[in-house]
C-alpha atoms as a PDB file:
ATOM      1  CA  PRO A   1      17.317  -7.362  -0.820  1.00  0.00           C
ATOM      2  CA  ASN A   2      17.367  -6.092   2.714  1.00  0.00           C
ATOM      3  CA  ARG A   3      14.659  -7.642   4.927  1.00  0.00           C
ATOM      4  CA  GLN A   4      12.006  -5.800   6.906  1.00  0.00           C
ATOM      5  CA  ASP A   5      13.261  -4.406  10.248  1.00  0.00           C
ATOM      6  CA  VAL A   6      16.904  -5.286   9.479  1.00  0.00           C
ATOM      7  CA  PRO A   7      18.784  -1.936   9.591  1.00  0.00           C
ATOM      8  CA  LEU A   8      20.984  -0.919   6.687  1.00  0.00           C
ATOM      9  CA  PRO A   9      24.667  -0.818   7.710  1.00  0.00           C
ATOM     10  CA  ALA A  10      25.108   2.770   6.545  1.00  0.00           C
ATOM     11  CA  ARG A  11      22.136   4.171   8.448  1.00  0.00           C
ATOM     12  CA  ALA A  12      20.449   2.267  11.265  1.00  0.00           C
ATOM     13  CA  THR A  13      17.462   4.615  11.607  1.00  0.00           C
ATOM     14  CA  ALA A  14      15.710   7.088   9.337  1.00  0.00           C
ATOM     15  CA  GLU A  15      15.767  10.137  11.584  1.00  0.00           C
ATOM     16  CA  PRO A  16      14.085  13.326  10.269  1.00  0.00           C
ATOM     17  CA  VAL A  17      16.548  15.613   8.529  1.00  0.00           C
ATOM     18  CA  GLU A  18      16.524  19.408   8.490  1.00  0.00           C
ATOM     19  CA  ASP A  19      13.057  20.996   8.420  1.00  0.00           C
ATOM     20  CA  GLY A  20      11.451  17.803   9.721  1.00  0.00           C
ATOM     21  CA  MET A  21      11.890  15.867   6.480  1.00  0.00           C
ATOM     22  CA  ILE A  22      12.412  12.107   6.323  1.00  0.00           C
ATOM     23  CA  PRO A  23      15.502  11.022   4.339  1.00  0.00           C
ATOM     24  CA  ASP A  24      14.728   9.476   0.970  1.00  0.00           C
ATOM     25  CA  CYS A  25      15.568   5.856   0.234  1.00  0.00           C
ATOM     26  CA  THR A  26      19.239   5.595  -0.753  1.00  0.00           C
ATOM     27  CA  LEU A  27      18.953   2.175  -2.387  1.00  0.00           C
ATOM     28  CA  ALA A  28      19.131   2.087  -6.168  1.00  0.00           C
ATOM     29  CA  ASN A  29      15.841   2.008  -8.073  1.00  0.00           C
ATOM     30  CA  VAL A  30      14.759  -1.417  -9.255  1.00  0.00           C
ATOM     31  CA  SER A  31      13.611  -2.205 -12.797  1.00  0.00           C
ATOM     32  CA  TYR A  32      10.520  -4.392 -12.644  1.00  0.00           C
ATOM     33  CA  SER A  33       9.782  -7.017 -15.258  1.00  0.00           C
ATOM     34  CA  GLU A  34       6.094  -7.371 -16.067  1.00  0.00           C
ATOM     35  CA  SER A  35       4.341 -10.592 -16.935  1.00  0.00           C
ATOM     36  CA  PRO A  36       1.228 -10.545 -19.145  1.00  0.00           C
ATOM     37  CA  LEU A  37      -0.817 -10.942 -15.927  1.00  0.00           C
ATOM     38  CA  ASP A  38       0.897  -7.903 -14.382  1.00  0.00           C
ATOM     39  CA  VAL A  39       0.140  -5.787 -17.454  1.00  0.00           C
ATOM     40  CA  LEU A  40      -3.500  -6.863 -17.481  1.00  0.00           C
ATOM     41  CA  LEU A  41      -4.066  -6.318 -13.747  1.00  0.00           C
ATOM     42  CA  LEU A  42      -2.401  -2.898 -13.795  1.00  0.00           C
ATOM     43  CA  LYS A  43      -4.514  -1.849 -16.765  1.00  0.00           C
ATOM     44  CA  ILE A  44      -7.699  -2.951 -14.978  1.00  0.00           C
ATOM     45  CA  PHE A  45      -6.622  -1.320 -11.715  1.00  0.00           C
ATOM     46  CA  ARG A  46      -5.868   1.990 -13.438  1.00  0.00           C
ATOM     47  CA  LYS A  47      -9.231   1.921 -15.231  1.00  0.00           C
ATOM     48  CA  PHE A  48     -11.019   1.504 -11.896  1.00  0.00           C
ATOM     49  CA  VAL A  49      -8.975   4.352 -10.376  1.00  0.00           C
ATOM     50  CA  GLN A  50      -9.744   6.596 -13.337  1.00  0.00           C
ATOM     51  CA  ASP A  51     -13.460   5.842 -12.993  1.00  0.00           C
ATOM     52  CA  GLU A  52     -13.297   6.847  -9.324  1.00  0.00           C
ATOM     53  CA  ILE A  53     -11.329  10.082  -9.716  1.00  0.00           C
ATOM     54  CA  GLY A  54     -12.734  11.239 -13.064  1.00  0.00           C
ATOM     55  CA  TRP A  55      -9.328  11.804 -14.655  1.00  0.00           C
ATOM     56  CA  ALA A  56      -6.735   9.783 -16.571  1.00  0.00           C
ATOM     57  CA  SER A  57      -3.019  10.390 -16.933  1.00  0.00           C
ATOM     58  CA  ASN A  58      -1.511   9.955 -20.398  1.00  0.00           C
ATOM     59  CA  LYS A  59       1.647   8.480 -18.862  1.00  0.00           C
ATOM     60  CA  PRO A  60       2.160   4.718 -19.091  1.00  0.00           C
ATOM     61  CA  ALA A  61       1.867   1.943 -16.523  1.00  0.00           C
ATOM     62  CA  MET A  62       2.982   2.659 -12.941  1.00  0.00           C
ATOM     63  CA  GLU A  63       4.137   6.185 -13.769  1.00  0.00           C
ATOM     64  CA  GLY A  64       0.594   7.000 -14.830  1.00  0.00           C
ATOM     65  CA  LEU A  65      -0.940   5.370 -11.751  1.00  0.00           C
ATOM     66  CA  ALA A  66       1.302   7.412  -9.444  1.00  0.00           C
ATOM     67  CA  GLU A  67       0.341  10.596 -11.300  1.00  0.00           C
ATOM     68  CA  GLU A  68      -3.355   9.742 -10.995  1.00  0.00           C
ATOM     69  CA  GLY A  69      -2.943   9.105  -7.290  1.00  0.00           C
ATOM     70  CA  ARG A  70      -1.149  12.425  -6.826  1.00  0.00           C
ATOM     71  CA  TYR A  71      -3.812  14.259  -8.866  1.00  0.00           C
ATOM     72  CA  TYR A  72      -6.513  12.949  -6.543  1.00  0.00           C
ATOM     73  CA  MET A  73      -4.488  13.546  -3.381  1.00  0.00           C
ATOM     74  CA  LEU A  74      -4.255  17.256  -4.215  1.00  0.00           C
ATOM     75  CA  ARG A  75      -8.048  17.488  -4.558  1.00  0.00           C
ATOM     76  CA  ALA A  76      -9.482  15.056  -1.988  1.00  0.00           C
ATOM     77  CA  SER A  77      -9.426  14.543   1.759  1.00  0.00           C
ATOM     78  CA  GLU A  78      -7.502  11.681   3.324  1.00  0.00           C
ATOM     79  CA  GLU A  79     -10.797   9.895   4.013  1.00  0.00           C
ATOM     80  CA  ASP A  80     -11.917  10.292   0.389  1.00  0.00           C
ATOM     81  CA  GLN A  81      -8.608   8.912  -0.866  1.00  0.00           C
ATOM     82  CA  GLN A  82      -8.953   5.865   1.342  1.00  0.00           C
ATOM     83  CA  GLN A  83     -12.562   5.304   0.260  1.00  0.00           C
ATOM     84  CA  MET A  84     -11.556   5.587  -3.397  1.00  0.00           C
ATOM     85  CA  VAL A  85      -9.045   2.751  -3.006  1.00  0.00           C
ATOM     86  CA  VAL A  86     -11.498   0.614  -1.036  1.00  0.00           C
ATOM     87  CA  ASN A  87     -13.977   1.041  -3.894  1.00  0.00           C
ATOM     88  CA  VAL A  88     -11.317  -0.007  -6.411  1.00  0.00           C
ATOM     89  CA  LEU A  89     -10.392  -3.090  -4.376  1.00  0.00           C
ATOM     90  CA  ARG A  90     -14.039  -4.093  -4.137  1.00  0.00           C
ATOM     91  CA  ARG A  91     -14.362  -3.958  -7.919  1.00  0.00           C
ATOM     92  CA  LEU A  92     -11.062  -5.777  -8.401  1.00  0.00           C
ATOM     93  CA  PHE A  93     -12.122  -8.633  -6.125  1.00  0.00           C
ATOM     94  CA  THR A  94     -15.495  -8.859  -7.958  1.00  0.00           C
ATOM     95  CA  PRO A  95     -18.755  -9.436  -6.020  1.00  0.00           C
ATOM     96  CA  ALA A  96     -17.966 -13.159  -5.659  1.00  0.00           C
ATOM     97  CA  GLY A  97     -14.547 -12.789  -4.046  1.00  0.00           C
ATOM     98  CA  PRO A  98     -15.297 -11.385  -0.575  1.00  0.00           C
ATOM     99  CA  PRO A  99     -18.153 -13.805   0.294  1.00  0.00           C
ATOM    100  CA  PHE A 100     -15.973 -16.785  -0.676  1.00  0.00           C
ATOM    101  CA  TYR A 101     -13.047 -15.472   1.385  1.00  0.00           C
ATOM    102  CA  ARG A 102     -15.253 -14.657   4.380  1.00  0.00           C
ATOM    103  CA  ILE A 103     -16.582 -18.222   4.517  1.00  0.00           C
ATOM    104  CA  PHE A 104     -13.498 -20.301   3.755  1.00  0.00           C
ATOM    105  CA  MET A 105     -10.794 -18.076   5.265  1.00  0.00           C
ATOM    106  CA  SER A 106     -12.426 -15.829   7.861  1.00  0.00           C
ATOM    107  CA  GLY A 107     -15.041 -18.334   9.021  1.00  0.00           C
ATOM    108  CA  ILE A 108     -17.975 -15.938   8.722  1.00  0.00           C
ATOM    109  CA  TRP A 109     -21.386 -17.577   8.293  1.00  0.00           C
ATOM    110  CA  GLY A 110     -24.196 -15.042   8.207  1.00  0.00           C
ATOM    111  CA  ASP A 111     -23.982 -13.047  11.442  1.00  0.00           C
ATOM    112  CA  ARG A 112     -21.598 -15.504  13.109  1.00  0.00           C
ATOM    113  CA  GLN A 113     -17.819 -15.444  12.865  1.00  0.00           C
ATOM    114  CA  LEU A 114     -16.200 -18.741  13.839  1.00  0.00           C
ATOM    115  CA  GLY A 115     -12.754 -17.831  12.504  1.00  0.00           C
ATOM    116  CA  PRO A 116     -10.540 -16.660  11.051  1.00  0.00           C
ATOM    117  CA  TRP A 117      -9.525 -20.255  10.432  1.00  0.00           C
ATOM    118  CA  PHE A 118      -5.978 -21.099  11.490  1.00  0.00           C
ATOM    119  CA  TRP A 119      -4.839 -21.480   7.880  1.00  0.00           C
ATOM    120  CA  ALA A 120      -6.134 -18.079   6.703  1.00  0.00           C
ATOM    121  CA  PRO A 121      -3.072 -15.833   7.393  1.00  0.00           C
ATOM    122  CA  ALA A 122      -0.488 -18.282   6.050  1.00  0.00           C
ATOM    123  CA  LEU A 123      -2.501 -19.307   3.004  1.00  0.00           C
ATOM    124  CA  THR A 124      -3.268 -15.664   2.151  1.00  0.00           C
ATOM    125  CA  ALA A 125       0.431 -14.792   2.352  1.00  0.00           C
ATOM    126  CA  PHE A 126       1.285 -17.805   0.166  1.00  0.00           C
ATOM    127  CA  VAL A 127      -1.188 -17.142  -2.673  1.00  0.00           C
ATOM    128  CA  THR A 128      -0.940 -13.340  -2.753  1.00  0.00           C
ATOM    129  CA  PRO A 129       2.468 -12.658  -4.444  1.00  0.00           C
ATOM    130  CA  PRO A 130       1.523 -13.501  -8.083  1.00  0.00           C
ATOM    131  CA  PHE A 131      -1.577 -11.293  -7.948  1.00  0.00           C
ATOM    132  CA  PHE A 132       0.127  -8.548  -5.939  1.00  0.00           C
ATOM    133  CA  LYS A 133       3.235  -8.095  -8.052  1.00  0.00           C
ATOM    134  CA  PHE A 134       1.700  -5.701 -10.596  1.00  0.00           C
ATOM    135  CA  LEU A 135       1.320  -3.066  -7.874  1.00  0.00           C
ATOM    136  CA  VAL A 136       4.193  -3.590  -5.426  1.00  0.00           C
ATOM    137  CA  GLY A 137       6.721  -5.785  -7.209  1.00  0.00           C
ATOM    138  CA  PRO A 138       8.152  -9.098  -5.930  1.00  0.00           C
ATOM    139  CA  SER A 139       7.239 -10.263  -2.433  1.00  0.00           C
ATOM    140  CA  THR A 140       8.050 -13.277  -0.287  1.00  0.00           C
ATOM    141  CA  PRO A 141       6.102 -14.992   2.524  1.00  0.00           C
ATOM    142  CA  ASN A 142       7.726 -14.609   5.945  1.00  0.00           C
ATOM    143  CA  TYR A 143       6.811 -14.592   9.631  1.00  0.00           C
ATOM    144  CA  ARG A 144       4.745 -11.989  11.444  1.00  0.00           C
ATOM    145  CA  ALA A 145       6.084 -10.130  14.481  1.00  0.00           C
ATOM    146  CA  ASP A 146       4.585 -12.825  16.754  1.00  0.00           C
ATOM    147  CA  GLY A 147       6.633 -15.505  14.999  1.00  0.00           C
ATOM    148  CA  GLN A 148       3.635 -17.084  13.280  1.00  0.00           C
ATOM    149  CA  LEU A 149       3.216 -17.672   9.548  1.00  0.00           C
ATOM    150  CA  GLY A 150       1.107 -15.115   7.746  1.00  0.00           C
ATOM    151  CA  GLY A 151       3.656 -12.444   6.910  1.00  0.00           C
ATOM    152  CA  LEU A 152       4.635 -11.160   3.500  1.00  0.00           C
ATOM    153  CA  VAL A 153       7.579  -8.850   2.821  1.00  0.00           C
ATOM    154  CA  VAL A 154       7.569  -6.683  -0.298  1.00  0.00           C
ATOM    155  CA  GLU A 155      11.190  -6.464  -1.406  1.00  0.00           C
ATOM    156  CA  LYS A 156      11.025  -2.887  -2.759  1.00  0.00           C
ATOM    157  CA  CYS A 157       7.599  -1.433  -3.327  1.00  0.00           C
ATOM    158  CA  ARG A 158       6.999  -0.499  -6.926  1.00  0.00           C
ATOM    159  CA  PHE A 159       4.315   2.082  -6.093  1.00  0.00           C
ATOM    160  CA  LEU A 160       6.389   3.741  -3.357  1.00  0.00           C
ATOM    161  CA  GLN A 161       9.482   3.828  -5.567  1.00  0.00           C
ATOM    162  CA  GLU A 162       7.534   5.503  -8.377  1.00  0.00           C
ATOM    163  CA  SER A 163       5.553   7.947  -6.234  1.00  0.00           C
ATOM    164  CA  GLY A 164       8.226   8.788  -3.648  1.00  0.00           C
ATOM    165  CA  CYS A 165       5.381   9.933  -1.428  1.00  0.00           C
ATOM    166  CA  LYS A 166       4.564   8.937   2.142  1.00  0.00           C
ATOM    167  CA  GLY A 167       1.029  10.382   1.868  1.00  0.00           C
ATOM    168  CA  LEU A 168       0.178   8.266  -1.183  1.00  0.00           C
ATOM    169  CA  CYS A 169       1.628   5.197   0.536  1.00  0.00           C
ATOM    170  CA  VAL A 170      -0.402   5.720   3.720  1.00  0.00           C
ATOM    171  CA  HIS A 171      -3.729   6.937   2.337  1.00  0.00           C
ATOM    172  CA  GLN A 172      -3.842   5.138  -1.012  1.00  0.00           C
ATOM    173  CA  CYS A 173      -2.339   1.814   0.062  1.00  0.00           C
ATOM    174  CA  LYS A 174      -1.720   1.081   3.759  1.00  0.00           C
ATOM    175  CA  LEU A 175      -4.923   2.332   5.387  1.00  0.00           C
ATOM    176  CA  PRO A 176      -7.420   1.355   2.657  1.00  0.00           C
ATOM    177  CA  ALA A 177      -5.865  -2.129   2.361  1.00  0.00           C
ATOM    178  CA  GLN A 178      -6.159  -2.633   6.121  1.00  0.00           C
ATOM    179  CA  ARG A 179      -9.730  -1.406   6.058  1.00  0.00           C
ATOM    180  CA  PHE A 180     -10.712  -3.571   3.074  1.00  0.00           C
ATOM    181  CA  PHE A 181      -9.345  -6.741   4.662  1.00  0.00           C
ATOM    182  CA  ALA A 182     -11.025  -6.034   8.010  1.00  0.00           C
ATOM    183  CA  GLU A 183     -14.408  -4.845   6.737  1.00  0.00           C
ATOM    184  CA  ASP A 184     -14.891  -6.779   3.496  1.00  0.00           C
ATOM    185  CA  LEU A 185     -12.855  -9.943   4.031  1.00  0.00           C
ATOM    186  CA  GLY A 186     -13.103 -10.312   7.801  1.00  0.00           C
ATOM    187  CA  LEU A 187      -9.344 -10.687   8.425  1.00  0.00           C
ATOM    188  CA  GLN A 188      -7.198  -8.154  10.248  1.00  0.00           C
ATOM    189  CA  LEU A 189      -4.142  -6.860   8.372  1.00  0.00           C
ATOM    190  CA  THR A 190      -1.190  -4.723   9.372  1.00  0.00           C
ATOM    191  CA  VAL A 191       0.759  -2.976   6.595  1.00  0.00           C
ATOM    192  CA  SER A 192       4.140  -1.598   7.721  1.00  0.00           C
ATOM    193  CA  PRO A 193       6.060   0.387   5.095  1.00  0.00           C
ATOM    194  CA  ASN A 194       9.775   1.006   5.545  1.00  0.00           C
ATOM    195  CA  PHE A 195      10.599   4.348   3.933  1.00  0.00           C
ATOM    196  CA  GLU A 196      14.340   3.834   4.362  1.00  0.00           C
ATOM    197  CA  THR A 197      14.401   0.724   2.164  1.00  0.00           C
ATOM    198  CA  GLN A 198      11.006   0.975   0.404  1.00  0.00           C
ATOM    199  CA  GLU A 199      10.197  -2.498   1.705  1.00  0.00           C
ATOM    200  CA  CYS A 200       6.788  -3.221   3.162  1.00  0.00           C
ATOM    201  CA  GLN A 201       5.726  -5.869   5.671  1.00  0.00           C
ATOM    202  CA  TRP A 202       2.177  -7.222   5.315  1.00  0.00           C
ATOM    203  CA  SER A 203       1.038  -9.217   8.348  1.00  0.00           C
ATOM    204  CA  PHE A 204      -2.249 -11.037   7.782  1.00  0.00           C
ATOM    205  CA  GLY A 205      -4.230 -11.779  10.926  1.00  0.00           C
ATOM    206  CA  GLU A 206      -2.455  -9.038  12.892  1.00  0.00           C
ATOM    207  CA  GLU A 207      -4.559  -6.141  14.188  1.00  0.00           C
ATOM    208  CA  PRO A 208      -3.105  -2.786  13.072  1.00  0.00           C
ATOM    209  CA  LEU A 209      -2.332   0.090  15.398  1.00  0.00           C
ATOM    210  CA  PRO A 210      -3.857   3.510  14.739  1.00  0.00           C
ATOM    211  CA  VAL A 211      -1.398   5.612  12.720  1.00  0.00           C
ATOM    212  CA  ALA A 212      -0.969   8.034  15.636  1.00  0.00           C
ATOM    213  CA  GLU A 213       0.202   5.141  17.866  1.00  0.00           C
ATOM    214  CA  ASP A 214       2.321   3.330  15.268  1.00  0.00           C
ATOM    215  CA  LEU A 215       5.934   4.006  16.194  1.00  0.00           C
ATOM    216  CA  SER A 216       7.099   2.549  12.869  1.00  0.00           C
ATOM    217  CA  MET A 217       5.533   5.509  11.025  1.00  0.00           C
ATOM    218  CA  PRO A 218       8.028   8.405  11.092  1.00  0.00           C
ATOM    219  CA  ALA A 219       6.763  11.967  11.354  1.00  0.00           C
ATOM    220  CA  GLY A 220       7.286  14.366   8.478  1.00  0.00           C
ATOM    221  CA  CYS A 221       7.395  14.141   4.696  1.00  0.00           C
ATOM    222  CA  LEU A 222       9.973  12.420   2.507  1.00  0.00           C
ATOM    223  CA  SER A 223      12.578  15.033   1.597  1.00  0.00           C
ATOM    224  CA  GLY A 224      12.351  14.417  -2.165  1.00  0.00           C
ATOM    225  CA  CYS A 225       8.578  13.965  -2.311  1.00  0.00           C
ATOM    226  CA  PRO A 226       7.135  15.236  -5.642  1.00  0.00           C
ATOM    227  CA  SER A 227       3.692  15.590  -4.034  1.00  0.00           C
ATOM    228  CA  ARG A 228       5.022  18.167  -1.559  1.00  0.00           C
ATOM    229  CA  VAL A 229       6.337  20.261  -4.440  1.00  0.00           C
ATOM    230  CA  ALA A 230       3.039  19.916  -6.329  1.00  0.00           C
ATOM    231  CA  LEU A 231       1.062  20.862  -3.211  1.00  0.00           C
ATOM    232  CA  THR A 232       3.227  23.953  -2.667  1.00  0.00           C
ATOM    233  CA  GLU A 233       2.722  25.003  -6.283  1.00  0.00           C
ATOM    234  CA  ALA A 234      -1.044  24.409  -6.038  1.00  0.00           C
ATOM    235  CA  LYS A 235      -1.275  26.597  -2.916  1.00  0.00           C
ATOM    236  CA  ALA A 236       0.726  29.319  -4.658  1.00  0.00           C
ATOM    237  CA  CYS A 237      -1.634  29.228  -7.651  1.00  0.00           C
ATOM    238  CA  ASN A 238      -4.691  29.390  -5.400  1.00  0.00           C
ATOM    239  CA  SER A 239      -3.326  32.391  -3.534  1.00  0.00           C
ATOM    240  CA  CYS A 240      -2.890  34.240  -6.824  1.00  0.00           C
ATOM    241  CA  SER A 241      -6.406  33.490  -8.103  1.00  0.00           C
END
Protein backbone atom coordinates (compact mmCIF):
# COMPACT_ATOMS: atom_id res chain seq x y z
CA PRO A 1 0.00 0.00 0.00
CA ASN A 2 0.88 3.64 -0.23
CA ARG A 3 2.42 5.05 2.97
CA GLN A 4 1.18 8.00 4.99
CA ASP A 5 2.23 11.40 3.57
CA VAL A 6 3.66 9.85 0.38
CA PRO A 7 1.67 11.45 -2.49
CA LEU A 8 0.02 9.24 -5.09
CA PRO A 9 1.64 9.71 -8.52
CA ALA A 10 -1.67 10.53 -10.20
CA ARG A 11 -2.71 13.23 -7.74
CA ALA A 12 -0.25 14.83 -5.33
CA THR A 13 -2.86 16.70 -3.28
CA ALA A 14 -6.56 16.27 -2.59
CA GLU A 15 -7.76 19.75 -3.50
CA PRO A 16 -11.50 20.49 -3.06
CA VAL A 17 -13.45 19.90 -6.25
CA GLU A 18 -16.48 21.83 -7.48
CA ASP A 19 -18.85 23.02 -4.74
CA GLY A 20 -16.15 22.66 -2.09
CA MET A 21 -16.19 18.86 -2.08
CA ILE A 22 -13.14 16.72 -1.34
CA PRO A 23 -12.36 14.10 -4.02
CA ASP A 24 -13.16 10.54 -3.00
CA CYS A 25 -10.43 7.94 -2.65
CA THR A 26 -9.59 6.52 -6.08
CA LEU A 27 -7.84 3.41 -4.79
CA ALA A 28 -9.71 0.13 -5.18
CA ASN A 29 -11.69 -1.12 -2.18
CA VAL A 30 -9.94 -3.76 -0.11
CA SER A 31 -11.55 -7.02 1.00
CA TYR A 32 -10.71 -7.65 4.64
CA SER A 33 -10.25 -11.13 6.03
CA GLU A 34 -11.55 -11.55 9.57
CA SER A 35 -10.02 -13.73 12.23
CA PRO A 36 -12.20 -15.20 15.00
CA LEU A 37 -10.83 -12.43 17.27
CA ASP A 38 -11.87 -9.76 14.75
CA VAL A 39 -15.40 -11.17 14.56
CA LEU A 40 -15.71 -11.31 18.34
CA LEU A 41 -14.35 -7.80 18.94
CA LEU A 42 -16.55 -6.27 16.24
CA LYS A 43 -19.61 -7.98 17.69
CA ILE A 44 -18.79 -6.65 21.17
CA PHE A 45 -18.02 -3.18 19.83
CA ARG A 46 -21.31 -3.02 17.92
CA LYS A 47 -23.25 -4.16 20.99
CA PHE A 48 -21.73 -1.33 23.03
CA VAL A 49 -22.53 1.18 20.26
CA GLN A 50 -26.11 -0.07 20.05
CA ASP A 51 -26.50 0.28 23.82
CA GLU A 52 -25.30 3.89 23.58
CA ILE A 53 -27.45 4.99 20.63
CA GLY A 54 -30.57 2.93 21.35
CA TRP A 55 -30.79 1.45 17.86
CA ALA A 56 -29.39 -1.53 15.96
CA SER A 57 -28.89 -1.98 12.23
CA ASN A 58 -29.90 -5.32 10.73
CA LYS A 59 -26.94 -5.17 8.34
CA PRO A 60 -23.93 -7.37 9.09
CA ALA A 61 -20.47 -6.60 10.45
CA MET A 62 -18.80 -3.33 9.40
CA GLU A 63 -21.66 -2.35 7.09
CA GLY A 64 -23.97 -2.39 10.09
CA LEU A 65 -21.54 -0.44 12.27
CA ALA A 66 -21.24 2.30 9.64
CA GLU A 67 -25.03 2.49 9.37
CA GLU A 68 -25.35 2.76 13.15
CA GLY A 69 -22.77 5.52 13.22
CA ARG A 70 -24.58 7.41 10.46
CA TYR A 71 -27.94 6.95 12.23
CA TYR A 72 -26.53 8.57 15.36
CA MET A 73 -24.70 11.31 13.46
CA LEU A 74 -27.99 12.50 11.96
CA ARG A 75 -29.55 12.79 15.44
CA ALA A 76 -26.72 13.88 17.76
CA SER A 77 -24.32 16.79 18.12
CA GLU A 78 -20.63 16.40 17.36
CA GLU A 79 -19.89 16.46 21.09
CA ASP A 80 -22.47 13.73 21.78
CA GLN A 81 -21.00 11.55 19.04
CA GLN A 82 -17.54 11.89 20.51
CA GLN A 83 -18.80 11.12 24.03
CA MET A 84 -20.64 8.05 22.74
CA VAL A 85 -17.40 6.60 21.34
CA VAL A 86 -15.45 7.47 24.49
CA ASN A 87 -18.07 5.57 26.49
CA VAL A 88 -17.74 2.57 24.17
CA LEU A 89 -13.94 2.59 24.45
CA ARG A 90 -14.16 2.72 28.23
CA ARG A 91 -16.36 -0.38 28.24
CA LEU A 92 -14.15 -2.13 25.70
CA PHE A 93 -11.03 -1.55 27.79
CA THR A 94 -12.87 -2.81 30.92
CA PRO A 95 -12.42 -1.07 34.31
CA ALA A 96 -9.04 -2.78 34.82
CA GLY A 97 -7.41 -1.64 31.59
CA PRO A 98 -6.92 2.12 32.06
CA PRO A 99 -5.45 1.95 35.60
CA PHE A 100 -2.92 -0.68 34.47
CA TYR A 101 -1.95 1.39 31.41
CA ARG A 102 -1.71 4.61 33.42
CA ILE A 103 0.76 3.05 35.86
CA PHE A 104 2.97 0.95 33.59
CA MET A 105 2.86 3.05 30.41
CA SER A 106 1.94 6.61 31.37
CA GLY A 107 3.71 6.62 34.74
CA ILE A 108 0.74 7.96 36.69
CA TRP A 109 0.74 7.17 40.42
CA GLY A 110 -2.19 8.75 42.22
CA ASP A 111 -1.99 12.50 41.57
CA ARG A 112 1.57 12.35 40.25
CA GLN A 113 2.58 11.71 36.65
CA LEU A 114 6.21 10.63 36.28
CA GLY A 115 5.87 9.55 32.65
CA PRO A 116 4.87 8.65 30.08
CA TRP A 117 7.70 6.14 30.27
CA PHE A 118 10.04 6.17 27.28
CA TRP A 119 8.79 2.78 26.10
CA ALA A 120 5.08 3.70 26.11
CA PRO A 121 4.63 5.07 22.53
CA ALA A 122 6.66 2.35 20.82
CA LEU A 123 5.23 -0.52 22.86
CA THR A 124 1.67 0.74 22.32
CA ALA A 125 2.25 0.91 18.56
CA PHE A 126 3.74 -2.61 18.61
CA VAL A 127 0.94 -4.37 20.53
CA THR A 128 -2.02 -2.50 19.04
CA PRO A 129 -2.39 -3.99 15.49
CA PRO A 130 -3.94 -7.40 16.42
CA PHE A 131 -6.58 -5.76 18.62
CA PHE A 132 -7.15 -2.85 16.24
CA LYS A 133 -7.65 -4.78 13.03
CA PHE A 134 -11.36 -5.51 13.52
CA LEU A 135 -12.13 -1.80 13.18
CA VAL A 136 -9.52 -0.35 10.81
CA GLY A 137 -7.94 -3.30 9.04
CA PRO A 138 -4.20 -4.11 8.87
CA SER A 139 -1.72 -1.63 10.34
CA THR A 140 2.05 -1.47 10.71
CA PRO A 141 4.27 0.26 13.30
CA ASN A 142 6.28 3.15 11.87
CA TYR A 143 7.93 6.40 12.97
CA ARG A 144 6.18 9.53 14.17
CA ALA A 145 6.73 12.90 12.49
CA ASP A 146 9.59 13.62 14.95
CA GLY A 147 11.42 10.49 13.79
CA GLN A 148 10.82 8.59 17.02
CA LEU A 149 9.19 5.17 17.36
CA GLY A 150 5.56 5.23 18.39
CA GLY A 151 3.81 5.59 15.05
CA LEU A 152 1.30 3.25 13.48
CA VAL A 153 0.04 3.51 9.90
CA VAL A 154 -3.32 1.99 8.99
CA GLU A 155 -2.94 0.72 5.43
CA LYS A 156 -6.53 1.44 4.32
CA CYS A 157 -9.05 2.13 7.03
CA ARG A 158 -11.87 -0.36 7.05
CA PHE A 159 -14.31 2.01 8.78
CA LEU A 160 -13.53 4.93 6.46
CA GLN A 161 -13.80 2.73 3.37
CA GLU A 162 -17.21 1.45 4.47
CA SER A 163 -18.63 4.77 5.67
CA GLY A 164 -17.09 7.07 3.04
CA CYS A 165 -17.72 9.89 5.49
CA LYS A 166 -15.31 12.50 6.82
CA GLY A 167 -17.70 13.45 9.66
CA LEU A 168 -17.91 9.87 10.96
CA CYS A 169 -14.12 9.56 10.72
CA VAL A 170 -13.49 12.78 12.66
CA HIS A 171 -16.22 12.64 15.31
CA GLN A 172 -16.61 8.89 15.78
CA CYS A 173 -12.94 7.90 15.54
CA LYS A 174 -10.22 10.57 15.44
CA LEU A 175 -11.35 12.99 18.15
CA PRO A 176 -12.80 10.48 20.64
CA ALA A 177 -9.72 8.24 20.31
CA GLN A 178 -7.43 11.20 21.00
CA ARG A 179 -9.56 12.21 23.95
CA PHE A 180 -9.73 8.69 25.40
CA PHE A 181 -5.96 8.23 25.26
CA ALA A 182 -5.28 11.63 26.83
CA GLU A 183 -7.95 11.58 29.54
CA ASP A 184 -8.28 7.90 30.42
CA LEU A 185 -4.86 6.46 29.58
CA GLY A 186 -2.66 9.50 30.18
CA LEU A 187 -0.86 9.37 26.81
CA GLN A 188 -1.22 11.96 24.07
CA LEU A 189 -2.28 10.67 20.64
CA THR A 190 -2.51 12.26 17.22
CA VAL A 191 -4.74 10.57 14.63
CA SER A 192 -4.18 11.83 11.07
CA PRO A 193 -6.53 10.40 8.43
CA ASN A 194 -5.61 10.64 4.76
CA PHE A 195 -8.85 10.90 2.77
CA GLU A 196 -7.04 10.54 -0.55
CA THR A 197 -5.72 7.07 0.27
CA GLN A 198 -7.92 6.12 3.27
CA GLU A 199 -4.74 5.53 5.26
CA CYS A 200 -4.47 6.80 8.81
CA GLN A 201 -1.39 7.69 10.85
CA TRP A 202 -1.62 7.12 14.61
CA SER A 203 1.20 8.80 16.54
CA PHE A 204 1.30 7.78 20.20
CA GLY A 205 2.93 10.30 22.52
CA GLU A 206 2.36 13.17 20.07
CA GLU A 207 0.09 16.02 21.18
CA PRO A 208 -2.69 16.63 18.63
CA LEU A 209 -3.49 20.00 17.11
CA PRO A 210 -7.02 21.39 17.37
CA VAL A 211 -8.97 20.47 14.23
CA ALA A 212 -9.21 24.14 13.22
CA GLU A 213 -5.38 24.39 13.21
CA ASP A 214 -4.66 20.99 11.65
CA LEU A 215 -3.57 21.68 8.08
CA SER A 216 -3.81 17.97 7.25
CA MET A 217 -7.61 18.13 7.62
CA PRO A 218 -9.08 19.38 4.32
CA ALA A 219 -12.15 21.60 4.36
CA GLY A 220 -15.40 20.34 2.88
CA CYS A 221 -17.18 17.01 2.61
CA LEU A 222 -16.17 13.95 0.60
CA SER A 223 -17.89 14.21 -2.77
CA GLY A 224 -19.46 10.73 -2.60
CA CYS A 225 -20.37 10.84 1.09
CA PRO A 226 -23.58 8.85 1.81
CA SER A 227 -24.09 10.82 5.04
CA ARG A 228 -24.40 14.08 3.10
CA VAL A 229 -27.16 12.56 0.98
CA ALA A 230 -28.92 11.19 4.08
CA LEU A 231 -28.64 14.56 5.83
CA THR A 232 -30.12 16.36 2.81
CA GLU A 233 -33.01 13.90 2.70
CA ALA A 234 -33.60 14.26 6.46
CA LYS A 235 -33.75 18.06 6.16
CA ALA A 236 -36.19 17.75 3.26
CA CYS A 237 -38.44 15.46 5.32
CA ASN A 238 -38.34 17.82 8.29
CA SER A 239 -39.29 20.79 6.14
CA CYS A 240 -42.35 18.90 4.90
CA SER A 241 -43.54 17.86 8.37
